[in-house]
Amino acid sequence: MLARKTSKNQVTLPKKIVDGLPETDYFDVTLRDGTVVLRPVTITEAGSKLATVRKKIRKLGLTSKDIDYAIRWARSRR
């Protein structure tokens, strides 16, 4: 598929490509060995990921003792 860079350095992504992407307005753009790489980025509210983790912990029935033990175990493996 071909895309053209405009005089303002803008590129329009072909519809076929956009249809295959998750819904996002932002991309992480890098250059790797002369190839432009676009990675979709999802912007979330501050603290929302932590809230998701806490919800999963509650759903699993883990206690603060379980978490403390897991942290101690992980740190001892260094």
PDB file of N, CA and C in Angstrom:
ATOM      1  N   MET A   1       0.836  -1.174   0.000  1.00  0.00           N
ATOM      2  CA  MET A   1       0.000   0.000   0.000  1.00  0.00           C
ATOM      3  C   MET A   1       0.883   1.241   0.000  1.00  0.00           C
ATOM      4  N   LEU A   2       0.438   2.245  -0.668  1.00  0.00           N
ATOM      5  CA  LEU A   2       1.233   3.451  -0.817  1.00  0.00           C
ATOM      6  C   LEU A   2       0.578   4.606  -0.077  1.00  0.00           C
ATOM      7  N   ALA A   3       1.386   5.384   0.652  1.00  0.00           N
ATOM      8  CA  ALA A   3       0.920   6.602   1.320  1.00  0.00           C
ATOM      9  C   ALA A   3       1.905   7.704   0.968  1.00  0.00           C
ATOM     10  N   ARG A   4       1.397   8.924   0.874  1.00  0.00           N
ATOM     11  CA  ARG A   4       2.237  10.054   0.448  1.00  0.00           C
ATOM     12  C   ARG A   4       2.414  11.037   1.599  1.00  0.00           C
ATOM     13  N   LYS A   5       3.636  11.537   1.764  1.00  0.00           N
ATOM     14  CA  LYS A   5       3.933  12.568   2.758  1.00  0.00           C
ATOM     15  C   LYS A   5       3.631  13.918   2.122  1.00  0.00           C
ATOM     16  N   THR A   6       2.884  14.773   2.857  1.00  0.00           N
ATOM     17  CA  THR A   6       2.545  16.092   2.329  1.00  0.00           C
ATOM     18  C   THR A   6       3.666  17.076   2.620  1.00  0.00           C
ATOM     19  N   SER A   7       3.518  18.297   2.108  1.00  0.00           N
ATOM     20  CA  SER A   7       4.528  19.339   2.339  1.00  0.00           C
ATOM     21  C   SER A   7       4.628  19.718   3.822  1.00  0.00           C
ATOM     22  N   LYS A   8       3.594  19.369   4.595  1.00  0.00           N
ATOM     23  CA  LYS A   8       3.610  19.646   6.036  1.00  0.00           C
ATOM     24  C   LYS A   8       4.007  18.411   6.849  1.00  0.00           C
ATOM     25  N   ASN A   9       4.651  17.468   6.195  1.00  0.00           N
ATOM     26  CA  ASN A   9       5.122  16.225   6.833  1.00  0.00           C
ATOM     27  C   ASN A   9       3.985  15.391   7.433  1.00  0.00           C
ATOM     28  N   GLN A  10       2.841  15.402   6.815  1.00  0.00           N
ATOM     29  CA  GLN A  10       1.718  14.593   7.271  1.00  0.00           C
ATOM     30  C   GLN A  10       1.516  13.413   6.330  1.00  0.00           C
ATOM     31  N   VAL A  11       1.108  12.285   6.922  1.00  0.00           N
ATOM     32  CA  VAL A  11       0.843  11.083   6.144  1.00  0.00           C
ATOM     33  C   VAL A  11      -0.550  10.601   6.522  1.00  0.00           C
ATOM     34  N   THR A  12      -1.360  10.313   5.515  1.00  0.00           N
ATOM     35  CA  THR A  12      -2.687   9.752   5.754  1.00  0.00           C
ATOM     36  C   THR A  12      -2.579   8.239   5.670  1.00  0.00           C
ATOM     37  N   LEU A  13      -3.047   7.568   6.707  1.00  0.00           N
ATOM     38  CA  LEU A  13      -3.002   6.110   6.709  1.00  0.00           C
ATOM     39  C   LEU A  13      -4.146   5.567   5.861  1.00  0.00           C
ATOM     40  N   PRO A  14      -3.869   4.574   5.030  1.00  0.00           N
ATOM     41  CA  PRO A  14      -4.931   3.979   4.218  1.00  0.00           C
ATOM     42  C   PRO A  14      -6.023   3.359   5.093  1.00  0.00           C
ATOM     43  N   LYS A  15      -7.274   3.463   4.649  1.00  0.00           N
ATOM     44  CA  LYS A  15      -8.422   2.965   5.412  1.00  0.00           C
ATOM     45  C   LYS A  15      -8.259   1.494   5.779  1.00  0.00           C
ATOM     46  N   LYS A  16      -7.723   0.703   4.864  1.00  0.00           N
ATOM     47  CA  LYS A  16      -7.542  -0.727   5.124  1.00  0.00           C
ATOM     48  C   LYS A  16      -6.620  -0.949   6.335  1.00  0.00           C
ATOM     49  N   ILE A  17      -5.620  -0.117   6.481  1.00  0.00           N
ATOM     50  CA  ILE A  17      -4.693  -0.210   7.618  1.00  0.00           C
ATOM     51  C   ILE A  17      -5.390   0.243   8.890  1.00  0.00           C
ATOM     52  N   VAL A  18      -6.082   1.376   8.820  1.00  0.00           N
ATOM     53  CA  VAL A  18      -6.762   1.933   9.997  1.00  0.00           C
ATOM     54  C   VAL A  18      -7.821   0.962  10.516  1.00  0.00           C
ATOM     55  N   ASP A  19      -8.513   0.288   9.616  1.00  0.00           N
ATOM     56  CA  ASP A  19      -9.547  -0.669  10.027  1.00  0.00           C
ATOM     57  C   ASP A  19      -8.967  -1.830  10.831  1.00  0.00           C
ATOM     58  N   GLY A  20      -7.691  -2.124  10.640  1.00  0.00           N
ATOM     59  CA  GLY A  20      -7.051  -3.218  11.363  1.00  0.00           C
ATOM     60  C   GLY A  20      -6.407  -2.810  12.681  1.00  0.00           C
ATOM     61  N   LEU A  21      -6.494  -1.519  13.013  1.00  0.00           N
ATOM     62  CA  LEU A  21      -5.890  -1.011  14.252  1.00  0.00           C
ATOM     63  C   LEU A  21      -6.915  -0.902  15.364  1.00  0.00           C
ATOM     64  N   PRO A  22      -6.455  -0.998  16.625  1.00  0.00           N
ATOM     65  CA  PRO A  22      -7.375  -0.701  17.721  1.00  0.00           C
ATOM     66  C   PRO A  22      -7.735   0.779  17.672  1.00  0.00           C
ATOM     67  N   GLU A  23      -8.885   1.127  18.222  1.00  0.00           N
ATOM     68  CA  GLU A  23      -9.324   2.516  18.182  1.00  0.00           C
ATOM     69  C   GLU A  23      -8.400   3.392  19.031  1.00  0.00           C
ATOM     70  N   THR A  24      -7.701   4.305  18.377  1.00  0.00           N
ATOM     71  CA  THR A  24      -6.772   5.197  19.067  1.00  0.00           C
ATOM     72  C   THR A  24      -6.542   6.445  18.231  1.00  0.00           C
ATOM     73  N   ASP A  25      -6.145   7.506  18.896  1.00  0.00           N
ATOM     74  CA  ASP A  25      -5.808   8.751  18.205  1.00  0.00           C
ATOM     75  C   ASP A  25      -4.308   9.034  18.252  1.00  0.00           C
ATOM     76  N   TYR A  26      -3.572   8.254  19.043  1.00  0.00           N
ATOM     77  CA  TYR A  26      -2.152   8.514  19.250  1.00  0.00           C
ATOM     78  C   TYR A  26      -1.305   7.305  18.872  1.00  0.00           C
ATOM     79  N   PHE A  27      -0.098   7.595  18.370  1.00  0.00           N
ATOM     80  CA  PHE A  27       0.844   6.547  17.995  1.00  0.00           C
ATOM     81  C   PHE A  27       2.231   6.897  18.513  1.00  0.00           C
ATOM     82  N   ASP A  28       2.953   5.884  18.950  1.00  0.00           N
ATOM     83  CA  ASP A  28       4.364   6.029  19.269  1.00  0.00           C
ATOM     84  C   ASP A  28       5.099   5.810  17.947  1.00  0.00           C
ATOM     85  N   VAL A  29       5.893   6.787  17.536  1.00  0.00           N
ATOM     86  CA  VAL A  29       6.556   6.730  16.234  1.00  0.00           C
ATOM     87  C   VAL A  29       8.064   6.575  16.438  1.00  0.00           C
ATOM     88  N   THR A  30       8.635   5.539  15.831  1.00  0.00           N
ATOM     89  CA  THR A  30      10.083   5.321  15.910  1.00  0.00           C
ATOM     90  C   THR A  30      10.614   5.007  14.517  1.00  0.00           C
ATOM     91  N   LEU A  31      11.910   5.141  14.383  1.00  0.00           N
ATOM     92  CA  LEU A  31      12.581   4.799  13.138  1.00  0.00           C
ATOM     93  C   LEU A  31      13.516   3.635  13.431  1.00  0.00           C
ATOM     94  N   ARG A  32      13.287   2.500  12.775  1.00  0.00           N
ATOM     95  CA  ARG A  32      14.082   1.299  13.022  1.00  0.00           C
ATOM     96  C   ARG A  32      14.678   0.816  11.705  1.00  0.00           C
ATOM     97  N   ASP A  33      15.987   0.943  11.564  1.00  0.00           N
ATOM     98  CA  ASP A  33      16.687   0.515  10.345  1.00  0.00           C
ATOM     99  C   ASP A  33      16.059   1.116   9.091  1.00  0.00           C
ATOM    100  N   GLY A  34      15.740   2.414   9.146  1.00  0.00           N
ATOM    101  CA  GLY A  34      15.181   3.101   7.995  1.00  0.00           C
ATOM    102  C   GLY A  34      13.697   2.877   7.760  1.00  0.00           C
ATOM    103  N   THR A  35      13.052   2.163   8.679  1.00  0.00           N
ATOM    104  CA  THR A  35      11.626   1.880   8.564  1.00  0.00           C
ATOM    105  C   THR A  35      10.876   2.643   9.650  1.00  0.00           C
ATOM    106  N   VAL A  36       9.808   3.330   9.277  1.00  0.00           N
ATOM    107  CA  VAL A  36       8.982   4.038  10.247  1.00  0.00           C
ATOM    108  C   VAL A  36       8.039   3.031  10.893  1.00  0.00           C
ATOM    109  N   VAL A  37       8.033   3.013  12.226  1.00  0.00           N
ATOM    110  CA  VAL A  37       7.193   2.081  12.973  1.00  0.00           C
ATOM    111  C   VAL A  37       6.184   2.889  13.786  1.00  0.00           C
ATOM    112  N   LEU A  38       4.893   2.605  13.583  1.00  0.00           N
ATOM    113  CA  LEU A  38       3.820   3.243  14.342  1.00  0.00           C
ATOM    114  C   LEU A  38       3.219   2.217  15.290  1.00  0.00           C
ATOM    115  N   ARG A  39       3.197   2.542  16.585  1.00  0.00           N
ATOM    116  CA  ARG A  39       2.576   1.653  17.571  1.00  0.00           C
ATOM    117  C   ARG A  39       1.415   2.403  18.202  1.00  0.00           C
ATOM    118  N   PRO A  40       0.202   1.850  18.140  1.00  0.00           N
ATOM    119  CA  PRO A  40      -0.947   2.527  18.755  1.00  0.00           C
ATOM    120  C   PRO A  40      -0.735   2.695  20.257  1.00  0.00           C
ATOM    121  N   VAL A  41      -1.116   3.859  20.768  1.00  0.00           N
ATOM    122  CA  VAL A  41      -0.993   4.164  22.193  1.00  0.00           C
ATOM    123  C   VAL A  41      -2.373   4.519  22.726  1.00  0.00           C
ATOM    124  N   THR A  42      -2.730   3.922  23.845  1.00  0.00           N
ATOM    125  CA  THR A  42      -3.991   4.241  24.498  1.00  0.00           C
ATOM    126  C   THR A  42      -3.700   5.137  25.690  1.00  0.00           C
ATOM    127  N   ILE A  43      -4.322   6.302  25.707  1.00  0.00           N
ATOM    128  CA  ILE A  43      -4.158   7.241  26.816  1.00  0.00           C
ATOM    129  C   ILE A  43      -5.233   6.938  27.852  1.00  0.00           C
ATOM    130  N   THR A  44      -4.806   6.718  29.095  1.00  0.00           N
ATOM    131  CA  THR A  44      -5.756   6.433  30.168  1.00  0.00           C
ATOM    132  C   THR A  44      -5.626   7.481  31.261  1.00  0.00           C
ATOM    133  N   GLU A  45      -6.654   7.580  32.067  1.00  0.00           N
ATOM    134  CA  GLU A  45      -6.627   8.518  33.180  1.00  0.00           C
ATOM    135  C   GLU A  45      -5.592   8.080  34.206  1.00  0.00           C
ATOM    136  N   ALA A  46      -4.999   9.056  34.872  1.00  0.00           N
ATOM    137  CA  ALA A  46      -4.017   8.747  35.913  1.00  0.00           C
ATOM    138  C   ALA A  46      -4.681   7.895  36.991  1.00  0.00           C
ATOM    139  N   GLY A  47      -4.031   6.812  37.374  1.00  0.00           N
ATOM    140  CA  GLY A  47      -4.536   5.942  38.430  1.00  0.00           C
ATOM    141  C   GLY A  47      -5.473   4.854  37.948  1.00  0.00           C
ATOM    142  N   SER A  48      -5.899   4.899  36.705  1.00  0.00           N
ATOM    143  CA  SER A  48      -6.861   3.901  36.232  1.00  0.00           C
ATOM    144  C   SER A  48      -6.233   2.505  36.141  1.00  0.00           C
ATOM    145  N   LYS A  49      -4.954   2.427  35.788  1.00  0.00           N
ATOM    146  CA  LYS A  49      -4.303   1.110  35.724  1.00  0.00           C
ATOM    147  C   LYS A  49      -4.166   0.514  37.118  1.00  0.00           C
ATOM    148  N   LEU A  50      -3.845   1.362  38.086  1.00  0.00           N
ATOM    149  CA  LEU A  50      -3.740   0.886  39.464  1.00  0.00           C
ATOM    150  C   LEU A  50      -5.097   0.384  39.953  1.00  0.00           C
ATOM    151  N   ALA A  51      -6.155   1.102  39.614  1.00  0.00           N
ATOM    152  CA  ALA A  51      -7.501   0.681  40.003  1.00  0.00           C
ATOM    153  C   ALA A  51      -7.835  -0.677  39.382  1.00  0.00           C
ATOM    154  N   THR A  52      -7.413  -0.898  38.154  1.00  0.00           N
ATOM    155  CA  THR A  52      -7.653  -2.178  37.488  1.00  0.00           C
ATOM    156  C   THR A  52      -6.916  -3.306  38.202  1.00  0.00           C
ATOM    157  N   VAL A  53      -5.673  -3.054  38.593  1.00  0.00           N
ATOM    158  CA  VAL A  53      -4.888  -4.066  39.304  1.00  0.00           C
ATOM    159  C   VAL A  53      -5.542  -4.380  40.653  1.00  0.00           C
ATOM    160  N   ARG A  54      -5.958  -3.342  41.369  1.00  0.00           N
ATOM    161  CA  ARG A  54      -6.612  -3.562  42.671  1.00  0.00           C
ATOM    162  C   ARG A  54      -7.895  -4.371  42.514  1.00  0.00           C
ATOM    163  N   LYS A  55      -8.645  -4.102  41.463  1.00  0.00           N
ATOM    164  CA  LYS A  55      -9.888  -4.832  41.214  1.00  0.00           C
ATOM    165  C   LYS A  55      -9.589  -6.311  40.972  1.00  0.00           C
ATOM    166  N   LYS A  56      -8.526  -6.596  40.190  1.00  0.00           N
ATOM    167  CA  LYS A  56      -8.146  -7.984  39.927  1.00  0.00           C
ATOM    168  C   LYS A  56      -7.705  -8.690  41.205  1.00  0.00           C
ATOM    169  N   ILE A  57      -6.967  -7.966  42.055  1.00  0.00           N
ATOM    170  CA  ILE A  57      -6.509  -8.541  43.319  1.00  0.00           C
ATOM    171  C   ILE A  57      -7.705  -8.925  44.188  1.00  0.00           C
ATOM    172  N   ARG A  58      -8.696  -8.021  44.271  1.00  0.00           N
ATOM    173  CA  ARG A  58      -9.903  -8.318  45.057  1.00  0.00           C
ATOM    174  C   ARG A  58     -10.647  -9.521  44.479  1.00  0.00           C
ATOM    175  N   LYS A  59     -10.758  -9.570  43.149  1.00  0.00           N
ATOM    176  CA  LYS A  59     -11.463 -10.666  42.485  1.00  0.00           C
ATOM    177  C   LYS A  59     -10.790 -12.009  42.760  1.00  0.00           C
ATOM    178  N   LEU A  60      -9.461 -11.999  42.848  1.00  0.00           N
ATOM    179  CA  LEU A  60      -8.716 -13.226  43.137  1.00  0.00           C
ATOM    180  C   LEU A  60      -8.760 -13.604  44.617  1.00  0.00           C
ATOM    181  N   GLY A  61      -9.235 -12.688  45.452  1.00  0.00           N
ATOM    182  CA  GLY A  61      -9.318 -12.964  46.882  1.00  0.00           C
ATOM    183  C   GLY A  61      -7.979 -12.879  47.600  1.00  0.00           C
ATOM    184  N   LEU A  62      -7.026 -12.157  47.031  1.00  0.00           N
ATOM    185  CA  LEU A  62      -5.714 -12.022  47.658  1.00  0.00           C
ATOM    186  C   LEU A  62      -5.778 -11.031  48.808  1.00  0.00           C
ATOM    187  N   THR A  63      -5.010 -11.316  49.846  1.00  0.00           N
ATOM    188  CA  THR A  63      -4.943 -10.422  51.002  1.00  0.00           C
ATOM    189  C   THR A  63      -3.637  -9.642  50.968  1.00  0.00           C
ATOM    190  N   SER A  64      -3.529  -8.659  51.853  1.00  0.00           N
ATOM    191  CA  SER A  64      -2.278  -7.891  51.914  1.00  0.00           C
ATOM    192  C   SER A  64      -1.118  -8.794  52.335  1.00  0.00           C
ATOM    193  N   LYS A  65      -1.396  -9.829  53.147  1.00  0.00           N
ATOM    194  CA  LYS A  65      -0.348 -10.791  53.510  1.00  0.00           C
ATOM    195  C   LYS A  65       0.157 -11.529  52.274  1.00  0.00           C
ATOM    196  N   ASP A  66      -0.775 -11.915  51.407  1.00  0.00           N
ATOM    197  CA  ASP A  66      -0.394 -12.604  50.165  1.00  0.00           C
ATOM    198  C   ASP A  66       0.509 -11.716  49.313  1.00  0.00           C
ATOM    199  N   ILE A  67       0.156 -10.448  49.214  1.00  0.00           N
ATOM    200  CA  ILE A  67       0.930  -9.507  48.403  1.00  0.00           C
ATOM    201  C   ILE A  67       2.314  -9.300  49.024  1.00  0.00           C
ATOM    202  N   ASP A  68       2.360  -9.102  50.339  1.00  0.00           N
ATOM    203  CA  ASP A  68       3.648  -8.929  51.030  1.00  0.00           C
ATOM    204  C   ASP A  68       4.549 -10.148  50.820  1.00  0.00           C
ATOM    205  N   TYR A  69       3.966 -11.343  50.922  1.00  0.00           N
ATOM    206  CA  TYR A  69       4.743 -12.568  50.713  1.00  0.00           C
ATOM    207  C   TYR A  69       5.281 -12.618  49.288  1.00  0.00           C
ATOM    208  N   ALA A  70       4.444 -12.291  48.315  1.00  0.00           N
ATOM    209  CA  ALA A  70       4.858 -12.330  46.911  1.00  0.00           C
ATOM    210  C   ALA A  70       5.987 -11.336  46.647  1.00  0.00           C
ATOM    211  N   ILE A  71       5.918 -10.165  47.265  1.00  0.00           N
ATOM    212  CA  ILE A  71       6.966  -9.164  47.082  1.00  0.00           C
ATOM    213  C   ILE A  71       8.272  -9.649  47.697  1.00  0.00           C
ATOM    214  N   ARG A  72       8.198 -10.185  48.920  1.00  0.00           N
ATOM    215  CA  ARG A  72       9.404 -10.716  49.569  1.00  0.00           C
ATOM    216  C   ARG A  72      10.009 -11.826  48.733  1.00  0.00           C
ATOM    217  N   TRP A  73       9.171 -12.737  48.222  1.00  0.00           N
ATOM    218  CA  TRP A  73       9.652 -13.840  47.402  1.00  0.00           C
ATOM    219  C   TRP A  73      10.352 -13.308  46.148  1.00  0.00           C
ATOM    220  N   ALA A  74       9.730 -12.356  45.462  1.00  0.00           N
ATOM    221  CA  ALA A  74      10.314 -11.822  44.222  1.00  0.00           C
ATOM    222  C   ALA A  74      11.628 -11.118  44.488  1.00  0.00           C
ATOM    223  N   ARG A  75      11.706 -10.375  45.578  1.00  0.00           N
ATOM    224  CA  ARG A  75      12.940  -9.654  45.904  1.00  0.00           C
ATOM    225  C   ARG A  75      14.060 -10.594  46.309  1.00  0.00           C
ATOM    226  N   SER A  76      13.727 -11.732  46.883  1.00  0.00           N
ATOM    227  CA  SER A  76      14.753 -12.693  47.323  1.00  0.00           C
ATOM    228  C   SER A  76      15.386 -13.422  46.143  1.00  0.00           C
ATOM    229  N   ARG A  77      14.756 -13.368  44.987  1.00  0.00           N
ATOM    230  CA  ARG A  77      15.248 -14.088  43.805  1.00  0.00           C
ATOM    231  C   ARG A  77      16.331 -13.322  43.074  1.00  0.00           C
ATOM    232  N   ARG A  78      16.652 -12.121  43.479  1.00  0.00           N
ATOM    233  CA  ARG A  78      17.656 -11.295  42.771  1.00  0.00           C
ATOM    234  C   ARG A  78      19.026 -11.827  42.929  1.00  0.00           C
TER     235      ARG A  78
END
